[in-house]
Amino acid sequence: MSEFVFNSFVTLLVVVDPLGL
């Protein structure tokens, strides 16, 4: 479960980073 949460967090960073947030 922790791995899933970590992967989700990393995915959010990758998606949000280009938006300048």
PDB file of N, CA and C in Angstrom:
ATOM      1  N   MET A   1       0.845  -1.201   0.000  1.00  0.00           N
ATOM      2  CA  MET A   1       0.000   0.000   0.000  1.00  0.00           C
ATOM      3  C   MET A   1       0.875   1.244   0.000  1.00  0.00           C
ATOM      4  N   SER A   2       1.923   1.231   0.797  1.00  0.00           N
ATOM      5  CA  SER A   2       2.808   2.403   0.866  1.00  0.00           C
ATOM      6  C   SER A   2       3.419   2.684  -0.495  1.00  0.00           C
ATOM      7  N   GLU A   3       3.768   1.616  -1.209  1.00  0.00           N
ATOM      8  CA  GLU A   3       4.372   1.812  -2.531  1.00  0.00           C
ATOM      9  C   GLU A   3       3.386   2.484  -3.474  1.00  0.00           C
ATOM     10  N   PHE A   4       2.111   2.095  -3.364  1.00  0.00           N
ATOM     11  CA  PHE A   4       1.084   2.683  -4.224  1.00  0.00           C
ATOM     12  C   PHE A   4       0.947   4.181  -3.946  1.00  0.00           C
ATOM     13  N   VAL A   5       0.945   4.534  -2.664  1.00  0.00           N
ATOM     14  CA  VAL A   5       0.824   5.947  -2.275  1.00  0.00           C
ATOM     15  C   VAL A   5       2.041   6.724  -2.758  1.00  0.00           C
ATOM     16  N   PHE A   6       3.224   6.124  -2.605  1.00  0.00           N
ATOM     17  CA  PHE A   6       4.458   6.793  -3.028  1.00  0.00           C
ATOM     18  C   PHE A   6       4.445   7.010  -4.530  1.00  0.00           C
ATOM     19  N   ASN A   7       4.052   5.975  -5.271  1.00  0.00           N
ATOM     20  CA  ASN A   7       4.003   6.090  -6.736  1.00  0.00           C
ATOM     21  C   ASN A   7       2.989   7.151  -7.150  1.00  0.00           C
ATOM     22  N   SER A   8       1.874   7.222  -6.446  1.00  0.00           N
ATOM     23  CA  SER A   8       0.859   8.226  -6.764  1.00  0.00           C
ATOM     24  C   SER A   8       1.412   9.624  -6.520  1.00  0.00           C
ATOM     25  N   PHE A   9       2.160   9.788  -5.418  1.00  0.00           N
ATOM     26  CA  PHE A   9       2.742  11.090  -5.093  1.00  0.00           C
ATOM     27  C   PHE A   9       3.740  11.514  -6.161  1.00  0.00           C
ATOM     28  N   VAL A  10       4.583  10.572  -6.585  1.00  0.00           N
ATOM     29  CA  VAL A  10       5.582  10.866  -7.621  1.00  0.00           C
ATOM     30  C   VAL A  10       4.880  11.222  -8.924  1.00  0.00           C
ATOM     31  N   THR A  11       3.809  10.495  -9.231  1.00  0.00           N
ATOM     32  CA  THR A  11       3.068  10.776 -10.470  1.00  0.00           C
ATOM     33  C   THR A  11       2.496  12.192 -10.423  1.00  0.00           C
ATOM     34  N   LEU A  12       1.975  12.590  -9.278  1.00  0.00           N
ATOM     35  CA  LEU A  12       1.425  13.940  -9.145  1.00  0.00           C
ATOM     36  C   LEU A  12       2.515  14.982  -9.369  1.00  0.00           C
ATOM     37  N   LEU A  13       3.714  14.722  -8.826  1.00  0.00           N
ATOM     38  CA  LEU A  13       4.817  15.664  -9.008  1.00  0.00           C
ATOM     39  C   LEU A  13       5.163  15.795 -10.484  1.00  0.00           C
ATOM     40  N   VAL A  14       5.190  14.677 -11.186  1.00  0.00           N
ATOM     41  CA  VAL A  14       5.541  14.682 -12.613  1.00  0.00           C
ATOM     42  C   VAL A  14       4.482  15.417 -13.428  1.00  0.00           C
ATOM     43  N   VAL A  15       3.212  15.259 -13.017  1.00  0.00           N
ATOM     44  CA  VAL A  15       2.119  15.902 -13.762  1.00  0.00           C
ATOM     45  C   VAL A  15       2.011  17.386 -13.425  1.00  0.00           C
ATOM     46  N   VAL A  16       2.229  17.724 -12.160  1.00  0.00           N
ATOM     47  CA  VAL A  16       2.055  19.118 -11.715  1.00  0.00           C
ATOM     48  C   VAL A  16       3.274  19.970 -12.048  1.00  0.00           C
ATOM     49  N   ASP A  17       4.458  19.377 -12.043  1.00  0.00           N
ATOM     50  CA  ASP A  17       5.689  20.126 -12.272  1.00  0.00           C
ATOM     51  C   ASP A  17       5.649  20.973 -13.547  1.00  0.00           C
ATOM     52  N   PRO A  18       5.234  20.403 -14.695  1.00  0.00           N
ATOM     53  CA  PRO A  18       5.168  21.191 -15.935  1.00  0.00           C
ATOM     54  C   PRO A  18       4.186  22.352 -15.850  1.00  0.00           C
ATOM     55  N   LEU A  19       3.227  22.268 -14.931  1.00  0.00           N
ATOM     56  CA  LEU A  19       2.228  23.332 -14.804  1.00  0.00           C
ATOM     57  C   LEU A  19       2.781  24.531 -14.043  1.00  0.00           C
ATOM     58  N   GLY A  20       3.973  24.376 -13.467  1.00  0.00           N
ATOM     59  CA  GLY A  20       4.580  25.489 -12.750  1.00  0.00           C
ATOM     60  C   GLY A  20       4.118  25.559 -11.307  1.00  0.00           C
ATOM     61  N   LEU A  21       3.438  24.506 -10.814  1.00  0.00           N
ATOM     62  CA  LEU A  21       2.993  24.512  -9.423  1.00  0.00           C
ATOM     63  C   LEU A  21       4.037  23.837  -8.553  1.00  0.00           C
TER      64      LEU A  21
END
